Amino acid sequence: EPTYLRHEVTPVFGLVRDLGNLMGLALASPL
């Protein structure tokens, strides 16, 4: 059922989520 698929689990979204988290850490640096 295609409606089971979510935007939140695509490879591109995973990269954007992780790079966003890293950018937040980078802006908080030096940790």
PDB file of all heavy atoms in Angstrom:
ATOM      1  N   GLU A   1       0.853  -1.186   0.000  1.00  0.00           N
ATOM      2  CA  GLU A   1       0.000   0.000   0.000  1.00  0.00           C
ATOM      3  C   GLU A   1       0.893   1.242   0.000  1.00  0.00           C
ATOM      4  O   GLU A   1       1.550   1.533   1.002  1.00  0.00           O
ATOM      5  CB  GLU A   1      -0.914   0.003   1.232  1.00  0.00           C
ATOM      6  CG  GLU A   1      -1.792   1.234   1.353  1.00  0.00           C
ATOM      7  CD  GLU A   1      -2.647   1.485   0.116  1.00  0.00           C
ATOM      8  OE1 GLU A   1      -3.394   0.556  -0.289  1.00  0.00           O
ATOM      9  OE2 GLU A   1      -2.541   2.591  -0.454  1.00  0.00           O
ATOM     10  N   PRO A   2       0.940   2.003  -1.116  1.00  0.00           N
ATOM     11  CA  PRO A   2       1.838   3.169  -1.213  1.00  0.00           C
ATOM     12  C   PRO A   2       1.621   4.210  -0.119  1.00  0.00           C
ATOM     13  O   PRO A   2       2.548   4.945   0.232  1.00  0.00           O
ATOM     14  CB  PRO A   2       1.515   3.749  -2.592  1.00  0.00           C
ATOM     15  CG  PRO A   2       0.973   2.593  -3.375  1.00  0.00           C
ATOM     16  CD  PRO A   2       0.235   1.750  -2.376  1.00  0.00           C
ATOM     17  N   THR A   3       0.404   4.278   0.443  1.00  0.00           N
ATOM     18  CA  THR A   3       0.149   5.279   1.496  1.00  0.00           C
ATOM     19  C   THR A   3       0.894   4.946   2.780  1.00  0.00           C
ATOM     20  O   THR A   3       0.982   5.791   3.676  1.00  0.00           O
ATOM     21  CB  THR A   3      -1.363   5.369   1.789  1.00  0.00           C
ATOM     22  OG1 THR A   3      -1.861   4.078   2.163  1.00  0.00           O
ATOM     23  CG2 THR A   3      -2.111   5.872   0.574  1.00  0.00           C
ATOM     24  N   TYR A   4       1.443   3.710   2.892  1.00  0.00           N
ATOM     25  CA  TYR A   4       2.220   3.355   4.070  1.00  0.00           C
ATOM     26  C   TYR A   4       3.580   4.072   4.087  1.00  0.00           C
ATOM     27  O   TYR A   4       4.189   4.217   5.143  1.00  0.00           O
ATOM     28  CB  TYR A   4       2.474   1.846   4.111  1.00  0.00           C
ATOM     29  CG  TYR A   4       1.259   0.998   4.382  1.00  0.00           C
ATOM     30  CD1 TYR A   4       1.268  -0.371   4.107  1.00  0.00           C
ATOM     31  CD2 TYR A   4       0.097   1.543   4.921  1.00  0.00           C
ATOM     32  CE1 TYR A   4       0.153  -1.170   4.364  1.00  0.00           C
ATOM     33  CE2 TYR A   4      -1.026   0.755   5.174  1.00  0.00           C
ATOM     34  CZ  TYR A   4      -0.978  -0.602   4.894  1.00  0.00           C
ATOM     35  OH  TYR A   4      -2.076  -1.385   5.153  1.00  0.00           O
ATOM     36  N   LEU A   5       4.055   4.480   2.917  1.00  0.00           N
ATOM     37  CA  LEU A   5       5.374   5.094   2.805  1.00  0.00           C
ATOM     38  C   LEU A   5       5.355   6.519   3.357  1.00  0.00           C
ATOM     39  O   LEU A   5       4.390   7.256   3.159  1.00  0.00           O
ATOM     40  CB  LEU A   5       5.833   5.098   1.351  1.00  0.00           C
ATOM     41  CG  LEU A   5       5.957   3.711   0.711  1.00  0.00           C
ATOM     42  CD1 LEU A   5       6.198   3.835  -0.774  1.00  0.00           C
ATOM     43  CD2 LEU A   5       7.090   2.923   1.364  1.00  0.00           C
ATOM     44  N   ARG A   6       6.448   6.912   4.005  1.00  0.00           N
ATOM     45  CA  ARG A   6       6.529   8.226   4.639  1.00  0.00           C
ATOM     46  C   ARG A   6       7.716   9.010   4.094  1.00  0.00           C
ATOM     47  O   ARG A   6       8.772   8.440   3.806  1.00  0.00           O
ATOM     48  CB  ARG A   6       6.679   8.082   6.153  1.00  0.00           C
ATOM     49  CG  ARG A   6       5.502   7.397   6.853  1.00  0.00           C
ATOM     50  CD  ARG A   6       5.810   7.250   8.339  1.00  0.00           C
ATOM     51  NE  ARG A   6       6.932   6.356   8.571  1.00  0.00           N
ATOM     52  CZ  ARG A   6       7.769   6.452   9.592  1.00  0.00           C
ATOM     53  NH1 ARG A   6       7.640   7.436  10.464  1.00  0.00           N
ATOM     54  NH2 ARG A   6       8.752   5.596   9.736  1.00  0.00           N
ATOM     55  N   HIS A   7       7.547  10.331   3.987  1.00  0.00           N
ATOM     56  CA  HIS A   7       8.647  11.200   3.566  1.00  0.00           C
ATOM     57  C   HIS A   7       9.808  11.114   4.559  1.00  0.00           C
ATOM     58  O   HIS A   7      10.973  11.278   4.184  1.00  0.00           O
ATOM     59  CB  HIS A   7       8.166  12.659   3.488  1.00  0.00           C
ATOM     60  CG  HIS A   7       7.126  12.914   2.445  1.00  0.00           C
ATOM     61  ND1 HIS A   7       7.433  12.990   1.111  1.00  0.00           N
ATOM     62  CD2 HIS A   7       5.780  13.100   2.540  1.00  0.00           C
ATOM     63  CE1 HIS A   7       6.323  13.228   0.415  1.00  0.00           C
ATOM     64  NE2 HIS A   7       5.307  13.300   1.260  1.00  0.00           N
ATOM     65  N   GLU A   8       9.479  10.881   5.827  1.00  0.00           N
ATOM     66  CA  GLU A   8      10.475  10.966   6.890  1.00  0.00           C
ATOM     67  C   GLU A   8      11.495   9.836   6.875  1.00  0.00           C
ATOM     68  O   GLU A   8      12.429   9.855   7.678  1.00  0.00           O
ATOM     69  CB  GLU A   8       9.784  10.986   8.259  1.00  0.00           C
ATOM     70  CG  GLU A   8       8.920  12.210   8.496  1.00  0.00           C
ATOM     71  CD  GLU A   8       7.518  12.071   7.938  1.00  0.00           C
ATOM     72  OE1 GLU A   8       7.263  11.071   7.234  1.00  0.00           O
ATOM     73  OE2 GLU A   8       6.687  12.943   8.200  1.00  0.00           O
ATOM     74  N   VAL A   9      11.313   8.831   6.013  1.00  0.00           N
ATOM     75  CA  VAL A   9      12.240   7.705   6.018  1.00  0.00           C
ATOM     76  C   VAL A   9      13.008   7.573   4.701  1.00  0.00           C
ATOM     77  O   VAL A   9      13.683   6.569   4.471  1.00  0.00           O
ATOM     78  CB  VAL A   9      11.494   6.381   6.317  1.00  0.00           C
ATOM     79  CG1 VAL A   9      10.946   6.386   7.727  1.00  0.00           C
ATOM     80  CG2 VAL A   9      10.362   6.134   5.315  1.00  0.00           C
ATOM     81  N   THR A  10      12.926   8.580   3.836  1.00  0.00           N
ATOM     82  CA  THR A  10      13.670   8.530   2.577  1.00  0.00           C
ATOM     83  C   THR A  10      15.152   8.814   2.821  1.00  0.00           C
ATOM     84  O   THR A  10      15.513   9.447   3.817  1.00  0.00           O
ATOM     85  CB  THR A  10      13.114   9.553   1.573  1.00  0.00           C
ATOM     86  OG1 THR A  10      13.239  10.864   2.138  1.00  0.00           O
ATOM     87  CG2 THR A  10      11.657   9.278   1.263  1.00  0.00           C
ATOM     88  N   PRO A  11      16.039   8.364   1.935  1.00  0.00           N
ATOM     89  CA  PRO A  11      17.476   8.609   2.121  1.00  0.00           C
ATOM     90  C   PRO A  11      17.832  10.090   2.183  1.00  0.00           C
ATOM     91  O   PRO A  11      18.665  10.503   2.991  1.00  0.00           O
ATOM     92  CB  PRO A  11      18.112   7.942   0.890  1.00  0.00           C
ATOM     93  CG  PRO A  11      17.102   6.980   0.391  1.00  0.00           C
ATOM     94  CD  PRO A  11      15.767   7.537   0.736  1.00  0.00           C
ATOM     95  N   VAL A  12      17.184  10.901   1.333  1.00  0.00           N
ATOM     96  CA  VAL A  12      17.478  12.337   1.312  1.00  0.00           C
ATOM     97  C   VAL A  12      17.053  12.979   2.624  1.00  0.00           C
ATOM     98  O   VAL A  12      17.775  13.807   3.200  1.00  0.00           O
ATOM     99  CB  VAL A  12      16.785  13.019   0.112  1.00  0.00           C
ATOM    100  CG1 VAL A  12      16.973  14.527   0.176  1.00  0.00           C
ATOM    101  CG2 VAL A  12      17.342  12.476  -1.197  1.00  0.00           C
ATOM    102  N   PHE A  13      15.881  12.596   3.118  1.00  0.00           N
ATOM    103  CA  PHE A  13      15.420  13.153   4.388  1.00  0.00           C
ATOM    104  C   PHE A  13      16.363  12.771   5.523  1.00  0.00           C
ATOM    105  O   PHE A  13      16.663  13.589   6.400  1.00  0.00           O
ATOM    106  CB  PHE A  13      14.007  12.670   4.711  1.00  0.00           C
ATOM    107  CG  PHE A  13      13.491  13.206   6.025  1.00  0.00           C
ATOM    108  CD1 PHE A  13      12.819  14.417   6.071  1.00  0.00           C
ATOM    109  CD2 PHE A  13      13.697  12.517   7.204  1.00  0.00           C
ATOM    110  CE1 PHE A  13      12.360  14.926   7.284  1.00  0.00           C
ATOM    111  CE2 PHE A  13      13.236  13.006   8.412  1.00  0.00           C
ATOM    112  CZ  PHE A  13      12.567  14.218   8.452  1.00  0.00           C
ATOM    113  N   GLY A  14      16.840  11.506   5.520  1.00  0.00           N
ATOM    114  CA  GLY A  14      17.786  11.077   6.548  1.00  0.00           C
ATOM    115  C   GLY A  14      19.046  11.921   6.548  1.00  0.00           C
ATOM    116  O   GLY A  14      19.547  12.323   7.613  1.00  0.00           O
ATOM    117  N   LEU A  15      19.561  12.223   5.357  1.00  0.00           N
ATOM    118  CA  LEU A  15      20.750  13.073   5.260  1.00  0.00           C
ATOM    119  C   LEU A  15      20.471  14.485   5.754  1.00  0.00           C
ATOM    120  O   LEU A  15      21.276  15.066   6.489  1.00  0.00           O
ATOM    121  CB  LEU A  15      21.232  13.119   3.806  1.00  0.00           C
ATOM    122  CG  LEU A  15      22.052  11.928   3.304  1.00  0.00           C
ATOM    123  CD1 LEU A  15      22.219  12.009   1.797  1.00  0.00           C
ATOM    124  CD2 LEU A  15      23.416  11.889   3.982  1.00  0.00           C
ATOM    125  N   VAL A  16      19.326  15.037   5.363  1.00  0.00           N
ATOM    126  CA  VAL A  16      18.973  16.397   5.786  1.00  0.00           C
ATOM    127  C   VAL A  16      18.811  16.457   7.298  1.00  0.00           C
ATOM    128  O   VAL A  16      19.275  17.398   7.950  1.00  0.00           O
ATOM    129  CB  VAL A  16      17.683  16.852   5.069  1.00  0.00           C
ATOM    130  CG1 VAL A  16      17.145  18.135   5.686  1.00  0.00           C
ATOM    131  CG2 VAL A  16      17.956  17.065   3.582  1.00  0.00           C
ATOM    132  N   ARG A  17      18.148  15.459   7.877  1.00  0.00           N
ATOM    133  CA  ARG A  17      17.977  15.414   9.332  1.00  0.00           C
ATOM    134  C   ARG A  17      19.324  15.368  10.047  1.00  0.00           C
ATOM    135  O   ARG A  17      19.580  16.133  10.984  1.00  0.00           O
ATOM    136  CB  ARG A  17      17.160  14.178   9.711  1.00  0.00           C
ATOM    137  CG  ARG A  17      16.965  13.979  11.213  1.00  0.00           C
ATOM    138  CD  ARG A  17      16.585  12.546  11.520  1.00  0.00           C
ATOM    139  NE  ARG A  17      17.661  11.624  11.192  1.00  0.00           N
ATOM    140  CZ  ARG A  17      17.497  10.336  10.920  1.00  0.00           C
ATOM    141  NH1 ARG A  17      16.283   9.820  10.920  1.00  0.00           N
ATOM    142  NH2 ARG A  17      18.539   9.571  10.641  1.00  0.00           N
ATOM    143  N   ASP A  18      20.205  14.486   9.587  1.00  0.00           N
ATOM    144  CA  ASP A  18      21.501  14.317  10.258  1.00  0.00           C
ATOM    145  C   ASP A  18      22.397  15.537  10.071  1.00  0.00           C
ATOM    146  O   ASP A  18      23.076  15.965  11.004  1.00  0.00           O
ATOM    147  CB  ASP A  18      22.205  13.065   9.734  1.00  0.00           C
ATOM    148  CG  ASP A  18      21.455  11.794  10.127  1.00  0.00           C
ATOM    149  OD1 ASP A  18      20.802  11.799  11.185  1.00  0.00           O
ATOM    150  OD2 ASP A  18      21.523  10.810   9.377  1.00  0.00           O
ATOM    151  N   LEU A  19      22.396  16.109   8.861  1.00  0.00           N
ATOM    152  CA  LEU A  19      23.199  17.310   8.632  1.00  0.00           C
ATOM    153  C   LEU A  19      22.637  18.497   9.404  1.00  0.00           C
ATOM    154  O   LEU A  19      23.397  19.363   9.859  1.00  0.00           O
ATOM    155  CB  LEU A  19      23.260  17.620   7.134  1.00  0.00           C
ATOM    156  CG  LEU A  19      24.056  16.623   6.276  1.00  0.00           C
ATOM    157  CD1 LEU A  19      23.954  16.974   4.802  1.00  0.00           C
ATOM    158  CD2 LEU A  19      25.527  16.590   6.708  1.00  0.00           C
ATOM    159  N   GLY A  20      21.317  18.540   9.577  1.00  0.00           N
ATOM    160  CA  GLY A  20      20.721  19.584  10.410  1.00  0.00           C
ATOM    161  C   GLY A  20      21.166  19.458  11.859  1.00  0.00           C
ATOM    162  O   GLY A  20      21.521  20.457  12.504  1.00  0.00           O
ATOM    163  N   ASN A  21      21.148  18.242  12.382  1.00  0.00           N
ATOM    164  CA  ASN A  21      21.619  18.020  13.749  1.00  0.00           C
ATOM    165  C   ASN A  21      23.096  18.405  13.901  1.00  0.00           C
ATOM    166  O   ASN A  21      23.491  19.019  14.896  1.00  0.00           O
ATOM    167  CB  ASN A  21      21.429  16.555  14.143  1.00  0.00           C
ATOM    168  CG  ASN A  21      19.980  16.206  14.403  1.00  0.00           C
ATOM    169  OD1 ASN A  21      19.192  17.048  14.830  1.00  0.00           O
ATOM    170  ND2 ASN A  21      19.602  14.971  14.143  1.00  0.00           N
ATOM    171  N   LEU A  22      23.894  18.040  12.900  1.00  0.00           N
ATOM    172  CA  LEU A  22      25.318  18.396  12.944  1.00  0.00           C
ATOM    173  C   LEU A  22      25.527  19.903  12.836  1.00  0.00           C
ATOM    174  O   LEU A  22      26.429  20.448  13.479  1.00  0.00           O
ATOM    175  CB  LEU A  22      26.074  17.683  11.814  1.00  0.00           C
ATOM    176  CG  LEU A  22      26.288  16.180  11.967  1.00  0.00           C
ATOM    177  CD1 LEU A  22      27.119  15.650  10.798  1.00  0.00           C
ATOM    178  CD2 LEU A  22      26.979  15.837  13.281  1.00  0.00           C
ATOM    179  N   MET A  23      24.695  20.578  12.046  1.00  0.00           N
ATOM    180  CA  MET A  23      24.832  22.027  11.931  1.00  0.00           C
ATOM    181  C   MET A  23      24.522  22.696  13.273  1.00  0.00           C
ATOM    182  O   MET A  23      25.197  23.670  13.668  1.00  0.00           O
ATOM    183  CB  MET A  23      23.902  22.559  10.842  1.00  0.00           C
ATOM    184  CG  MET A  23      23.990  24.073  10.633  1.00  0.00           C
ATOM    185  SD  MET A  23      25.687  24.637  10.207  1.00  0.00           S
ATOM    186  CE  MET A  23      25.775  24.127   8.484  1.00  0.00           C
ATOM    187  N   GLY A  24      23.523  22.194  13.974  1.00  0.00           N
ATOM    188  CA  GLY A  24      23.231  22.721  15.303  1.00  0.00           C
ATOM    189  C   GLY A  24      24.405  22.537  16.253  1.00  0.00           C
ATOM    190  O   GLY A  24      24.762  23.453  17.013  1.00  0.00           O
ATOM    191  N   LEU A  25      25.022  21.368  16.202  1.00  0.00           N
ATOM    192  CA  LEU A  25      26.208  21.112  17.031  1.00  0.00           C
ATOM    193  C   LEU A  25      27.360  22.013  16.616  1.00  0.00           C
ATOM    194  O   LEU A  25      28.117  22.505  17.469  1.00  0.00           O
ATOM    195  CB  LEU A  25      26.621  19.642  16.911  1.00  0.00           C
ATOM    196  CG  LEU A  25      25.719  18.612  17.594  1.00  0.00           C
ATOM    197  CD1 LEU A  25      26.122  17.197  17.199  1.00  0.00           C
ATOM    198  CD2 LEU A  25      25.792  18.770  19.112  1.00  0.00           C
ATOM    199  N   ALA A  26      27.510  22.210  15.302  1.00  0.00           N
ATOM    200  CA  ALA A  26      28.591  23.066  14.801  1.00  0.00           C
ATOM    201  C   ALA A  26      28.408  24.505  15.279  1.00  0.00           C
ATOM    202  O   ALA A  26      29.371  25.170  15.680  1.00  0.00           O
ATOM    203  CB  ALA A  26      28.631  23.015  13.272  1.00  0.00           C
ATOM    204  N   LEU A  27      27.169  25.006  15.253  1.00  0.00           N
ATOM    205  CA  LEU A  27      26.900  26.377  15.708  1.00  0.00           C
ATOM    206  C   LEU A  27      27.091  26.520  17.214  1.00  0.00           C
ATOM    207  O   LEU A  27      27.340  27.623  17.717  1.00  0.00           O
ATOM    208  CB  LEU A  27      25.482  26.788  15.322  1.00  0.00           C
ATOM    209  CG  LEU A  27      25.219  26.917  13.812  1.00  0.00           C
ATOM    210  CD1 LEU A  27      23.746  27.153  13.543  1.00  0.00           C
ATOM    211  CD2 LEU A  27      26.056  28.056  13.226  1.00  0.00           C
ATOM    212  N   ALA A  28      26.987  25.409  17.946  1.00  0.00           N
ATOM    213  CA  ALA A  28      27.204  25.424  19.397  1.00  0.00           C
ATOM    214  C   ALA A  28      28.671  25.238  19.770  1.00  0.00           C
ATOM    215  O   ALA A  28      29.018  25.336  20.946  1.00  0.00           O
ATOM    216  CB  ALA A  28      26.370  24.333  20.054  1.00  0.00           C
ATOM    217  N   SER A  29      29.510  24.965  18.784  1.00  0.00           N
ATOM    218  CA  SER A  29      30.933  24.718  19.037  1.00  0.00           C
ATOM    219  C   SER A  29      31.662  25.998  19.476  1.00  0.00           C
ATOM    220  O   SER A  29      31.203  27.115  19.173  1.00  0.00           O
ATOM    221  CB  SER A  29      31.590  24.158  17.765  1.00  0.00           C
ATOM    222  OG  SER A  29      31.027  22.914  17.440  1.00  0.00           O
ATOM    223  N   PRO A  30      32.800  25.806  20.193  1.00  0.00           N
ATOM    224  CA  PRO A  30      33.379  24.551  20.676  1.00  0.00           C
ATOM    225  C   PRO A  30      32.574  23.951  21.816  1.00  0.00           C
ATOM    226  O   PRO A  30      32.178  24.657  22.747  1.00  0.00           O
ATOM    227  CB  PRO A  30      34.781  24.956  21.128  1.00  0.00           C
ATOM    228  CG  PRO A  30      34.671  26.410  21.459  1.00  0.00           C
ATOM    229  CD  PRO A  30      33.633  26.979  20.538  1.00  0.00           C
ATOM    230  N   LEU A  31      32.340  22.654  21.744  1.00  0.00           N
ATOM    231  CA  LEU A  31      31.419  21.993  22.659  1.00  0.00           C
ATOM    232  C   LEU A  31      31.952  21.890  24.081  1.00  0.00           C
ATOM    233  O   LEU A  31      31.169  21.729  25.022  1.00  0.00           O
ATOM    234  CB  LEU A  31      31.080  20.596  22.123  1.00  0.00           C
ATOM    235  CG  LEU A  31      30.317  20.572  20.785  1.00  0.00           C
ATOM    236  CD1 LEU A  31      30.094  19.145  20.328  1.00  0.00           C
ATOM    237  CD2 LEU A  31      28.986  21.296  20.897  1.00  0.00           C
TER     238      LEU A  31
END
